[in-house]
């Protein structure tokens, strides 16, 4: 099967629960044999975004569409420059330990970093610090919401948590935005948390 066909959603899938099981199964195939997080997160963002566009009964590409899907990750995961000198600009926050950096995504251009310490910013920062999924039915009512896209009406953010040696390490977040108020619900949360766990297991960090 061509890789692009992984984002096709069979017409027999009607419910969100069925949809997320299907996306999980497709992602499990895509990440098989690959352990690098850049490659796997890139395919994950594209698969989720494209599959949601192909699921018109709940999302599709109209007024209920998901307009952004992607990842923010702790800066220590990103490599230092190998062939050029690191920027000496004091304003550069590329590797600041207090930020998550923009990772693989699908959608319009987004914020390049999100502060998580000493004061977390936005839904992504809160999900990172709380180590739990944050589901926001209406972003305009959420204190400190970061408006990367003014068209976004609702949002869901799942933390990426690596459990190692009895310790939980938050590596970043999976973030989805929707054009509709109340675009996400508990079925989406369950499905996305399963996908987040699959991503963690499938990559070398």
N, C-alpha and C. Protein backbone atom coordinates (compact mmCIF):
# COMPACT_ATOMS: atom_id res chain seq x y z
N UNK A 1 0.83 -1.20 0.00
CA UNK A 1 0.00 0.00 0.00
C UNK A 1 0.87 1.25 0.00
N UNK A 2 0.62 2.21 -0.89
CA UNK A 2 1.36 3.48 -0.84
C UNK A 2 1.19 4.16 0.51
N UNK A 3 2.24 4.80 1.00
CA UNK A 3 2.18 5.43 2.31
C UNK A 3 1.03 6.43 2.41
N UNK A 4 0.77 7.17 1.33
CA UNK A 4 -0.28 8.20 1.36
C UNK A 4 -1.66 7.60 1.62
N UNK A 5 -1.86 6.34 1.23
CA UNK A 5 -3.16 5.71 1.40
C UNK A 5 -3.48 5.45 2.87
N UNK A 6 -2.50 5.58 3.75
CA UNK A 6 -2.75 5.38 5.17
C UNK A 6 -3.76 6.38 5.71
N UNK A 7 -3.88 7.54 5.05
CA UNK A 7 -4.78 8.59 5.53
C UNK A 7 -6.20 8.43 5.00
N UNK A 8 -6.45 7.42 4.18
CA UNK A 8 -7.81 7.18 3.69
C UNK A 8 -8.68 6.62 4.81
N UNK A 9 -9.90 7.12 4.90
CA UNK A 9 -10.81 6.67 5.95
C UNK A 9 -11.96 5.91 5.29
N UNK A 10 -12.11 4.61 5.56
CA UNK A 10 -13.19 3.84 4.95
C UNK A 10 -14.57 4.40 5.30
N UNK A 11 -15.48 4.31 4.36
CA UNK A 11 -16.83 4.82 4.58
C UNK A 11 -17.58 4.08 5.68
N UNK A 12 -17.11 2.90 6.02
CA UNK A 12 -17.77 2.12 7.07
C UNK A 12 -17.52 2.68 8.46
N UNK A 13 -16.54 3.57 8.58
CA UNK A 13 -16.23 4.16 9.89
C UNK A 13 -17.15 5.35 10.13
N UNK A 14 -17.95 5.25 11.19
CA UNK A 14 -18.96 6.27 11.47
C UNK A 14 -18.72 7.05 12.76
N UNK A 15 -18.18 6.37 13.78
CA UNK A 15 -18.03 7.01 15.08
C UNK A 15 -16.59 7.46 15.30
N UNK A 16 -16.42 8.38 16.24
CA UNK A 16 -15.07 8.84 16.58
C UNK A 16 -14.23 7.70 17.15
N UNK A 17 -14.84 6.84 17.94
CA UNK A 17 -14.09 5.72 18.51
C UNK A 17 -13.52 4.84 17.41
N UNK A 18 -14.35 4.52 16.41
CA UNK A 18 -13.89 3.72 15.29
C UNK A 18 -12.79 4.45 14.51
N UNK A 19 -12.98 5.75 14.36
CA UNK A 19 -12.01 6.55 13.62
C UNK A 19 -10.64 6.51 14.27
N UNK A 20 -10.58 6.72 15.57
CA UNK A 20 -9.28 6.78 16.24
C UNK A 20 -8.61 5.42 16.31
N UNK A 21 -9.39 4.35 16.39
CA UNK A 21 -8.81 3.01 16.32
C UNK A 21 -8.17 2.81 14.95
N UNK A 22 -8.86 3.25 13.90
CA UNK A 22 -8.33 3.14 12.54
C UNK A 22 -7.02 3.94 12.39
N UNK A 23 -7.00 5.18 12.87
CA UNK A 23 -5.80 6.01 12.76
C UNK A 23 -4.64 5.38 13.54
N UNK A 24 -4.94 4.87 14.72
CA UNK A 24 -3.92 4.19 15.52
C UNK A 24 -3.30 3.03 14.75
N UNK A 25 -4.17 2.21 14.16
CA UNK A 25 -3.68 1.04 13.41
C UNK A 25 -2.81 1.46 12.23
N UNK A 26 -3.22 2.51 11.54
CA UNK A 26 -2.44 2.99 10.39
C UNK A 26 -1.10 3.56 10.84
N UNK A 27 -1.09 4.29 11.95
CA UNK A 27 0.16 4.85 12.44
C UNK A 27 1.11 3.76 12.91
N UNK A 28 0.56 2.74 13.52
CA UNK A 28 1.40 1.63 13.98
C UNK A 28 2.16 1.00 12.81
N UNK A 29 1.51 0.92 11.66
CA UNK A 29 2.16 0.40 10.46
C UNK A 29 3.23 1.38 9.97
N UNK A 30 2.90 2.67 9.94
CA UNK A 30 3.82 3.68 9.41
C UNK A 30 5.11 3.77 10.21
N UNK A 31 5.02 3.64 11.52
CA UNK A 31 6.22 3.80 12.35
C UNK A 31 6.99 2.50 12.50
N UNK A 32 6.44 1.40 11.98
CA UNK A 32 7.14 0.12 12.08
C UNK A 32 8.48 0.17 11.36
N UNK A 33 9.54 -0.23 12.05
CA UNK A 33 10.87 -0.25 11.45
C UNK A 33 11.59 1.08 11.48
N UNK A 34 10.99 2.11 12.04
CA UNK A 34 11.63 3.43 12.14
C UNK A 34 11.59 3.88 13.60
N UNK A 35 12.72 4.33 14.13
CA UNK A 35 12.79 4.72 15.54
C UNK A 35 13.13 6.20 15.73
N UNK A 36 13.42 6.93 14.66
CA UNK A 36 13.80 8.33 14.83
C UNK A 36 12.55 9.18 15.04
N UNK A 37 12.58 10.02 16.07
CA UNK A 37 11.37 10.76 16.43
C UNK A 37 10.99 11.78 15.37
N UNK A 38 11.96 12.36 14.66
CA UNK A 38 11.62 13.36 13.65
C UNK A 38 10.77 12.72 12.54
N UNK A 39 11.20 11.57 12.06
CA UNK A 39 10.46 10.89 11.00
C UNK A 39 9.09 10.43 11.48
N UNK A 40 9.03 9.82 12.66
CA UNK A 40 7.76 9.28 13.15
C UNK A 40 6.76 10.37 13.50
N UNK A 41 7.23 11.45 14.11
CA UNK A 41 6.31 12.54 14.44
C UNK A 41 5.83 13.28 13.20
N UNK A 42 6.68 13.33 12.19
CA UNK A 42 6.28 13.94 10.92
C UNK A 42 5.14 13.16 10.29
N UNK A 43 5.29 11.84 10.22
CA UNK A 43 4.22 11.02 9.66
C UNK A 43 2.98 11.03 10.55
N UNK A 44 3.17 11.07 11.86
CA UNK A 44 2.02 11.10 12.76
C UNK A 44 1.18 12.36 12.56
N UNK A 45 1.84 13.52 12.50
CA UNK A 45 1.13 14.78 12.31
C UNK A 45 0.38 14.77 10.98
N UNK A 46 1.04 14.32 9.93
CA UNK A 46 0.41 14.29 8.61
C UNK A 46 -0.76 13.31 8.58
N UNK A 47 -0.57 12.13 9.16
CA UNK A 47 -1.63 11.12 9.15
C UNK A 47 -2.87 11.60 9.90
N UNK A 48 -2.67 12.12 11.10
CA UNK A 48 -3.82 12.58 11.89
C UNK A 48 -4.55 13.70 11.17
N UNK A 49 -3.81 14.68 10.70
CA UNK A 49 -4.40 15.84 10.03
C UNK A 49 -5.15 15.42 8.77
N UNK A 50 -4.52 14.63 7.93
CA UNK A 50 -5.13 14.22 6.67
C UNK A 50 -6.33 13.30 6.90
N UNK A 51 -6.24 12.42 7.89
CA UNK A 51 -7.35 11.52 8.19
C UNK A 51 -8.56 12.30 8.71
N UNK A 52 -8.32 13.30 9.53
CA UNK A 52 -9.42 14.14 10.02
C UNK A 52 -10.11 14.87 8.88
N UNK A 53 -9.32 15.33 7.91
CA UNK A 53 -9.89 15.99 6.74
C UNK A 53 -10.77 15.02 5.94
N UNK A 54 -10.44 13.74 6.00
CA UNK A 54 -11.17 12.73 5.25
C UNK A 54 -12.28 12.08 6.06
N UNK A 55 -12.67 12.72 7.17
CA UNK A 55 -13.72 12.18 8.06
C UNK A 55 -14.82 13.23 8.23
N UNK A 56 -15.60 13.48 7.17
CA UNK A 56 -16.54 14.61 7.16
C UNK A 56 -17.70 14.49 8.14
N UNK A 57 -18.02 13.29 8.59
CA UNK A 57 -19.16 13.16 9.50
C UNK A 57 -18.90 13.82 10.85
N UNK A 58 -17.62 14.01 11.20
CA UNK A 58 -17.29 14.66 12.47
C UNK A 58 -16.35 15.85 12.31
N UNK A 59 -15.49 15.84 11.29
CA UNK A 59 -14.53 16.93 11.11
C UNK A 59 -14.53 17.42 9.66
N UNK A 60 -13.85 16.70 8.76
CA UNK A 60 -13.82 17.08 7.36
C UNK A 60 -12.98 18.31 7.10
N UNK A 61 -13.26 18.98 5.97
CA UNK A 61 -12.47 20.15 5.58
C UNK A 61 -13.30 21.43 5.55
N UNK A 62 -14.44 21.43 6.26
CA UNK A 62 -15.32 22.60 6.30
C UNK A 62 -15.24 23.34 7.61
N UNK A 63 -16.38 23.77 8.11
CA UNK A 63 -16.41 24.63 9.30
C UNK A 63 -16.07 23.88 10.58
N UNK A 64 -16.03 22.54 10.55
CA UNK A 64 -15.65 21.76 11.72
C UNK A 64 -14.26 21.15 11.58
N UNK A 65 -13.51 21.62 10.62
CA UNK A 65 -12.22 20.97 10.33
C UNK A 65 -11.17 21.29 11.39
N UNK A 66 -10.24 20.35 11.54
CA UNK A 66 -9.05 20.58 12.36
C UNK A 66 -8.06 21.35 11.50
N UNK A 67 -7.69 22.54 11.95
CA UNK A 67 -6.84 23.42 11.15
C UNK A 67 -5.36 23.35 11.53
N UNK A 68 -5.03 22.56 12.55
CA UNK A 68 -3.62 22.40 12.92
C UNK A 68 -3.45 21.13 13.74
N UNK A 69 -2.39 20.40 13.44
CA UNK A 69 -2.05 19.21 14.21
C UNK A 69 -0.54 19.09 14.24
N UNK A 70 0.03 19.04 15.43
CA UNK A 70 1.48 18.95 15.48
C UNK A 70 2.02 18.79 16.89
N UNK A 71 3.32 18.96 17.00
CA UNK A 71 4.03 18.67 18.23
C UNK A 71 4.90 19.85 18.66
N UNK A 72 4.97 20.03 19.97
CA UNK A 72 5.98 20.87 20.60
C UNK A 72 6.79 19.97 21.52
N UNK A 73 8.13 20.16 21.50
CA UNK A 73 9.02 19.25 22.21
C UNK A 73 10.06 20.01 23.01
N UNK A 74 10.53 19.38 24.09
CA UNK A 74 11.55 20.02 24.91
C UNK A 74 12.80 20.28 24.07
N UNK A 75 13.44 21.40 24.34
CA UNK A 75 14.53 21.86 23.48
C UNK A 75 15.72 20.92 23.48
N UNK A 76 15.92 20.15 24.56
CA UNK A 76 17.09 19.27 24.64
C UNK A 76 17.05 18.14 23.63
N UNK A 77 15.87 17.86 23.06
CA UNK A 77 15.77 16.80 22.04
C UNK A 77 16.33 17.24 20.70
N UNK A 78 16.43 18.55 20.49
CA UNK A 78 16.87 19.07 19.20
C UNK A 78 18.40 19.10 19.15
N UNK A 79 18.99 18.70 18.01
CA UNK A 79 20.45 18.64 17.92
C UNK A 79 21.08 20.03 17.86
N UNK A 80 22.30 20.11 18.35
CA UNK A 80 23.10 21.31 18.18
C UNK A 80 23.59 21.38 16.73
N UNK A 81 23.88 22.59 16.22
CA UNK A 81 24.38 22.71 14.84
C UNK A 81 25.68 21.93 14.65
N UNK A 82 25.79 21.27 13.50
CA UNK A 82 27.00 20.50 13.19
C UNK A 82 27.90 21.21 12.18
N UNK A 83 27.34 21.99 11.28
CA UNK A 83 28.11 22.56 10.19
C UNK A 83 28.20 24.08 10.23
N UNK A 84 27.49 24.70 11.15
CA UNK A 84 27.58 26.15 11.32
C UNK A 84 27.71 26.45 12.81
N UNK A 85 28.18 27.65 13.12
CA UNK A 85 28.29 28.06 14.51
C UNK A 85 26.91 28.39 15.05
N UNK A 86 26.70 28.06 16.32
CA UNK A 86 25.44 28.40 16.97
C UNK A 86 25.30 29.92 17.04
N UNK A 87 24.07 30.38 16.95
CA UNK A 87 23.81 31.81 16.99
C UNK A 87 24.28 32.42 18.30
N UNK A 88 24.93 33.59 18.19
CA UNK A 88 25.37 34.32 19.38
C UNK A 88 24.38 35.42 19.75
N UNK A 89 23.27 35.49 19.04
CA UNK A 89 22.26 36.49 19.30
C UNK A 89 21.63 36.23 20.67
N UNK A 90 21.75 37.17 21.61
CA UNK A 90 21.19 36.95 22.95
C UNK A 90 19.67 36.81 22.93
N UNK A 91 19.02 37.25 21.85
CA UNK A 91 17.57 37.12 21.76
C UNK A 91 17.15 35.72 21.29
N UNK A 92 18.13 34.95 20.83
CA UNK A 92 17.80 33.62 20.33
C UNK A 92 17.42 32.70 21.47
N UNK A 93 16.27 32.03 21.32
CA UNK A 93 15.78 31.12 22.36
C UNK A 93 15.81 29.68 21.87
N UNK A 94 16.63 29.41 20.87
CA UNK A 94 16.57 28.11 20.21
C UNK A 94 16.73 26.96 21.19
N UNK A 95 17.65 27.07 22.13
CA UNK A 95 17.89 25.95 23.03
C UNK A 95 17.67 26.35 24.49
N UNK A 96 16.82 27.31 24.70
CA UNK A 96 16.52 27.70 26.08
C UNK A 96 15.79 26.56 26.78
N UNK A 97 16.25 26.20 27.96
CA UNK A 97 15.67 25.05 28.67
C UNK A 97 14.27 25.33 29.18
N UNK A 98 13.84 26.58 29.13
CA UNK A 98 12.51 26.92 29.64
C UNK A 98 11.44 26.86 28.56
N UNK A 99 11.79 26.39 27.37
CA UNK A 99 10.85 26.39 26.25
C UNK A 99 10.66 25.00 25.65
N UNK A 100 9.46 24.80 25.09
CA UNK A 100 9.27 23.75 24.10
C UNK A 100 9.42 24.38 22.72
N UNK A 101 10.02 23.65 21.80
CA UNK A 101 10.20 24.14 20.44
C UNK A 101 9.21 23.48 19.50
N UNK A 102 8.86 24.19 18.44
CA UNK A 102 7.96 23.68 17.42
C UNK A 102 8.59 22.47 16.74
N UNK A 103 7.83 21.39 16.67
CA UNK A 103 8.28 20.18 16.00
C UNK A 103 7.48 19.92 14.75
N UNK A 104 7.46 18.69 14.25
CA UNK A 104 6.71 18.36 13.05
C UNK A 104 5.22 18.70 13.21
N UNK A 105 4.63 19.22 12.15
CA UNK A 105 3.21 19.59 12.20
C UNK A 105 2.61 19.62 10.81
N UNK A 106 1.28 19.69 10.76
CA UNK A 106 0.53 19.94 9.54
C UNK A 106 -0.44 21.09 9.80
N UNK A 107 -0.47 22.03 8.88
CA UNK A 107 -1.32 23.20 9.05
C UNK A 107 -0.56 24.47 8.74
N UNK A 108 -1.11 25.60 9.14
CA UNK A 108 -0.48 26.89 8.89
C UNK A 108 0.73 27.10 9.80
N UNK A 109 1.61 28.06 9.47
CA UNK A 109 2.76 28.36 10.34
C UNK A 109 2.31 28.63 11.77
N UNK A 110 3.16 28.24 12.72
CA UNK A 110 2.78 28.30 14.14
C UNK A 110 3.87 28.96 14.97
N UNK A 111 3.56 29.18 16.24
CA UNK A 111 4.53 29.74 17.18
C UNK A 111 5.76 28.84 17.22
N UNK A 112 6.96 29.45 17.23
CA UNK A 112 8.19 28.68 17.17
C UNK A 112 8.59 28.08 18.51
N UNK A 113 8.14 28.67 19.60
CA UNK A 113 8.42 28.11 20.92
C UNK A 113 7.29 28.49 21.87
N UNK A 114 7.18 27.68 22.93
CA UNK A 114 6.19 27.93 23.97
C UNK A 114 6.88 27.81 25.32
N UNK A 115 6.76 28.80 26.13
CA UNK A 115 7.41 28.81 27.44
C UNK A 115 6.69 27.86 28.40
N UNK A 116 7.47 27.07 29.13
CA UNK A 116 6.89 26.16 30.12
C UNK A 116 7.40 26.45 31.53
N UNK A 117 8.43 27.27 31.65
CA UNK A 117 8.97 27.61 32.97
C UNK A 117 9.57 29.02 32.91
N UNK A 118 9.44 29.82 33.95
CA UNK A 118 8.81 29.51 35.24
C UNK A 118 7.28 29.59 35.20
N UNK A 119 6.74 30.17 34.13
CA UNK A 119 5.28 30.28 34.04
C UNK A 119 4.83 29.70 32.70
N UNK A 120 4.11 28.57 32.73
CA UNK A 120 3.69 27.97 31.46
C UNK A 120 2.73 28.88 30.71
N UNK A 121 2.82 28.85 29.37
CA UNK A 121 1.97 29.69 28.53
C UNK A 121 1.01 28.83 27.72
N UNK A 122 -0.25 29.22 27.75
CA UNK A 122 -1.24 28.62 26.87
C UNK A 122 -1.63 27.20 27.24
N UNK A 123 -2.44 26.60 26.38
CA UNK A 123 -2.94 25.25 26.62
C UNK A 123 -1.78 24.25 26.58
N UNK A 124 -0.86 24.43 25.64
CA UNK A 124 0.28 23.52 25.53
C UNK A 124 1.15 23.55 26.78
N UNK A 125 1.44 24.75 27.27
CA UNK A 125 2.25 24.87 28.48
C UNK A 125 1.57 24.24 29.68
N UNK A 126 0.27 24.42 29.79
CA UNK A 126 -0.48 23.85 30.92
C UNK A 126 -0.50 22.32 30.85
N UNK A 127 -0.73 21.76 29.66
CA UNK A 127 -0.73 20.30 29.53
C UNK A 127 0.63 19.72 29.86
N UNK A 128 1.68 20.42 29.47
CA UNK A 128 3.04 19.97 29.76
C UNK A 128 3.29 19.95 31.26
N UNK A 129 2.97 21.02 31.94
CA UNK A 129 3.25 21.13 33.38
C UNK A 129 2.34 20.21 34.20
N UNK A 130 1.07 20.13 33.82
CA UNK A 130 0.10 19.30 34.56
C UNK A 130 0.27 17.81 34.25
N UNK A 131 0.94 17.50 33.16
CA UNK A 131 1.16 16.12 32.74
C UNK A 131 -0.17 15.39 32.49
N UNK A 132 -1.11 16.11 31.96
CA UNK A 132 -2.41 15.53 31.65
C UNK A 132 -3.03 16.27 30.47
N UNK A 133 -3.94 15.61 29.78
CA UNK A 133 -4.59 16.20 28.62
C UNK A 133 -5.46 17.38 29.03
N UNK A 134 -5.40 18.44 28.23
CA UNK A 134 -6.26 19.61 28.45
C UNK A 134 -7.17 19.74 27.23
N UNK A 135 -8.47 19.69 27.48
CA UNK A 135 -9.48 19.79 26.43
C UNK A 135 -10.20 21.12 26.60
N UNK A 136 -10.15 21.97 25.58
CA UNK A 136 -10.69 23.33 25.67
C UNK A 136 -11.82 23.50 24.63
N UNK A 137 -13.08 23.53 25.06
CA UNK A 137 -14.20 23.68 24.11
C UNK A 137 -14.22 25.03 23.42
N UNK A 138 -13.77 26.09 24.14
CA UNK A 138 -13.80 27.45 23.58
C UNK A 138 -12.53 28.16 24.01
N UNK A 139 -11.60 28.35 23.08
CA UNK A 139 -10.30 28.92 23.43
C UNK A 139 -10.41 30.36 23.92
N UNK A 140 -11.45 31.07 23.53
CA UNK A 140 -11.59 32.46 23.95
C UNK A 140 -11.85 32.57 25.45
N UNK A 141 -12.29 31.49 26.07
CA UNK A 141 -12.56 31.51 27.51
C UNK A 141 -11.39 30.95 28.32
N UNK A 142 -10.32 30.54 27.63
CA UNK A 142 -9.21 29.90 28.33
C UNK A 142 -8.15 30.94 28.69
N UNK A 143 -7.84 31.11 29.96
CA UNK A 143 -6.85 32.12 30.38
C UNK A 143 -5.48 31.86 29.78
N UNK A 144 -4.90 32.87 29.13
CA UNK A 144 -3.56 32.76 28.60
C UNK A 144 -3.46 32.01 27.29
N UNK A 145 -4.59 31.79 26.63
CA UNK A 145 -4.54 31.07 25.35
C UNK A 145 -3.65 31.80 24.35
N UNK A 146 -2.80 31.03 23.64
CA UNK A 146 -1.92 31.59 22.62
C UNK A 146 -2.60 31.47 21.27
N UNK A 147 -2.91 32.59 20.65
CA UNK A 147 -3.65 32.59 19.40
C UNK A 147 -2.69 32.54 18.21
N UNK A 148 -2.17 31.34 17.91
CA UNK A 148 -1.33 31.19 16.72
C UNK A 148 -2.15 31.38 15.45
N UNK A 149 -3.42 30.99 15.50
CA UNK A 149 -4.34 31.16 14.38
C UNK A 149 -5.64 31.69 14.93
N UNK A 150 -6.02 32.89 14.52
CA UNK A 150 -7.23 33.52 15.04
C UNK A 150 -8.50 32.78 14.69
N UNK A 151 -8.45 31.86 13.72
CA UNK A 151 -9.64 31.10 13.34
C UNK A 151 -9.93 29.93 14.28
N UNK A 152 -8.96 29.56 15.08
CA UNK A 152 -9.13 28.43 16.00
C UNK A 152 -10.18 28.74 17.06
N UNK A 153 -11.10 27.78 17.27
CA UNK A 153 -12.15 27.95 18.26
C UNK A 153 -12.04 26.98 19.43
N UNK A 154 -11.47 25.80 19.19
CA UNK A 154 -11.30 24.81 20.26
C UNK A 154 -9.98 24.08 20.09
N UNK A 155 -9.56 23.41 21.16
CA UNK A 155 -8.21 22.84 21.15
C UNK A 155 -8.14 21.65 22.11
N UNK A 156 -7.27 20.71 21.79
CA UNK A 156 -6.96 19.61 22.70
C UNK A 156 -5.46 19.37 22.66
N UNK A 157 -4.86 19.20 23.83
CA UNK A 157 -3.41 19.00 23.93
C UNK A 157 -3.13 17.81 24.85
N UNK A 158 -2.37 16.83 24.33
CA UNK A 158 -1.99 15.64 25.09
C UNK A 158 -0.49 15.66 25.36
N UNK A 159 -0.08 15.46 26.60
CA UNK A 159 1.36 15.40 26.87
C UNK A 159 1.97 14.10 26.36
N UNK A 160 3.24 14.17 25.98
CA UNK A 160 4.01 12.99 25.59
C UNK A 160 4.89 12.62 26.79
N UNK A 161 4.55 11.51 27.44
CA UNK A 161 5.21 11.15 28.70
C UNK A 161 5.97 9.84 28.55
N UNK A 162 7.28 9.92 28.76
CA UNK A 162 8.14 8.74 28.74
C UNK A 162 8.32 8.24 30.17
N UNK A 163 7.97 6.99 30.40
CA UNK A 163 8.15 6.41 31.72
C UNK A 163 9.43 5.58 31.72
N UNK A 164 10.39 6.03 32.53
CA UNK A 164 11.72 5.41 32.52
C UNK A 164 12.25 5.29 33.94
N UNK A 165 12.52 4.06 34.36
CA UNK A 165 13.09 3.84 35.67
C UNK A 165 12.25 4.37 36.81
N UNK A 166 10.94 4.26 36.68
CA UNK A 166 10.04 4.75 37.71
C UNK A 166 9.80 6.25 37.68
N UNK A 167 10.36 6.91 36.67
CA UNK A 167 10.21 8.36 36.55
C UNK A 167 9.42 8.70 35.29
N UNK A 168 8.55 9.69 35.42
CA UNK A 168 7.80 10.19 34.27
C UNK A 168 8.50 11.42 33.71
N UNK A 169 8.91 11.35 32.44
CA UNK A 169 9.60 12.46 31.78
C UNK A 169 8.69 13.01 30.69
N UNK A 170 8.29 14.28 30.81
CA UNK A 170 7.45 14.89 29.79
C UNK A 170 8.34 15.40 28.67
N UNK A 171 8.16 14.84 27.48
CA UNK A 171 9.01 15.18 26.34
C UNK A 171 8.42 16.29 25.48
N UNK A 172 7.13 16.51 25.60
CA UNK A 172 6.47 17.51 24.78
C UNK A 172 4.98 17.29 24.77
N UNK A 173 4.31 17.79 23.73
CA UNK A 173 2.86 17.67 23.65
C UNK A 173 2.44 17.44 22.20
N UNK A 174 1.28 16.81 22.06
CA UNK A 174 0.57 16.69 20.79
C UNK A 174 -0.60 17.66 20.85
N UNK A 175 -0.67 18.57 19.88
CA UNK A 175 -1.62 19.68 19.91
C UNK A 175 -2.50 19.66 18.66
N UNK A 176 -3.83 19.75 18.86
CA UNK A 176 -4.77 19.85 17.75
C UNK A 176 -5.68 21.05 17.95
N UNK A 177 -5.90 21.82 16.89
CA UNK A 177 -6.81 22.96 16.89
C UNK A 177 -7.97 22.68 15.94
N UNK A 178 -9.15 23.23 16.26
CA UNK A 178 -10.34 23.03 15.45
C UNK A 178 -11.04 24.36 15.19
N UNK A 179 -11.67 24.48 14.03
CA UNK A 179 -12.38 25.71 13.66
C UNK A 179 -13.72 25.85 14.37
N UNK A 180 -14.22 24.78 14.97
CA UNK A 180 -15.55 24.80 15.60
C UNK A 180 -15.43 24.86 17.12
N UNK A 181 -16.34 25.56 17.75
CA UNK A 181 -16.46 25.51 19.21
C UNK A 181 -16.89 24.10 19.60
N UNK A 182 -16.28 23.56 20.63
CA UNK A 182 -16.61 22.20 21.08
C UNK A 182 -16.23 21.15 20.07
N UNK A 183 -15.15 21.38 19.34
CA UNK A 183 -14.77 20.45 18.29
C UNK A 183 -14.27 19.10 18.78
N UNK A 184 -13.78 19.06 20.01
CA UNK A 184 -13.23 17.82 20.56
C UNK A 184 -14.00 17.38 21.79
N UNK A 185 -14.01 16.06 22.03
CA UNK A 185 -14.70 15.53 23.20
C UNK A 185 -13.87 14.39 23.80
N UNK A 186 -14.49 13.66 24.73
CA UNK A 186 -13.77 12.61 25.44
C UNK A 186 -13.33 11.47 24.52
N UNK A 187 -14.10 11.20 23.46
CA UNK A 187 -13.68 10.17 22.50
C UNK A 187 -12.37 10.57 21.82
N UNK A 188 -12.25 11.84 21.47
CA UNK A 188 -10.99 12.32 20.89
C UNK A 188 -9.86 12.21 21.89
N UNK A 189 -10.13 12.53 23.14
CA UNK A 189 -9.10 12.45 24.17
C UNK A 189 -8.58 11.02 24.31
N UNK A 190 -9.49 10.06 24.39
CA UNK A 190 -9.08 8.66 24.52
C UNK A 190 -8.24 8.23 23.32
N UNK A 191 -8.70 8.57 22.12
CA UNK A 191 -7.98 8.18 20.91
C UNK A 191 -6.61 8.81 20.81
N UNK A 192 -6.52 10.10 21.13
CA UNK A 192 -5.25 10.81 21.02
C UNK A 192 -4.26 10.37 22.10
N UNK A 193 -4.76 10.06 23.28
CA UNK A 193 -3.86 9.58 24.33
C UNK A 193 -3.27 8.22 23.96
N UNK A 194 -4.04 7.36 23.31
CA UNK A 194 -3.50 6.09 22.82
C UNK A 194 -2.42 6.33 21.77
N UNK A 195 -2.68 7.28 20.89
CA UNK A 195 -1.70 7.60 19.84
C UNK A 195 -0.43 8.19 20.47
N UNK A 196 -0.58 9.05 21.46
CA UNK A 196 0.59 9.63 22.14
C UNK A 196 1.44 8.52 22.77
N UNK A 197 0.79 7.54 23.38
CA UNK A 197 1.52 6.43 23.99
C UNK A 197 2.23 5.60 22.93
N UNK A 198 1.58 5.39 21.78
CA UNK A 198 2.22 4.66 20.68
C UNK A 198 3.45 5.39 20.18
N UNK A 199 3.35 6.70 20.05
CA UNK A 199 4.49 7.50 19.59
C UNK A 199 5.66 7.37 20.56
N UNK A 200 5.39 7.45 21.84
CA UNK A 200 6.45 7.34 22.84
C UNK A 200 7.15 5.98 22.72
N UNK A 201 6.36 4.91 22.58
CA UNK A 201 6.94 3.56 22.52
C UNK A 201 7.73 3.33 21.23
N UNK A 202 7.37 4.06 20.17
CA UNK A 202 7.90 3.77 18.84
C UNK A 202 9.15 4.55 18.49
N UNK A 203 9.61 5.43 19.39
CA UNK A 203 10.76 6.29 19.07
C UNK A 203 11.88 6.11 20.10
N UNK A 204 13.10 6.38 19.64
CA UNK A 204 14.25 6.47 20.54
C UNK A 204 14.42 7.94 20.91
N UNK A 205 14.42 8.22 22.18
CA UNK A 205 14.48 9.60 22.66
C UNK A 205 15.84 9.91 23.28
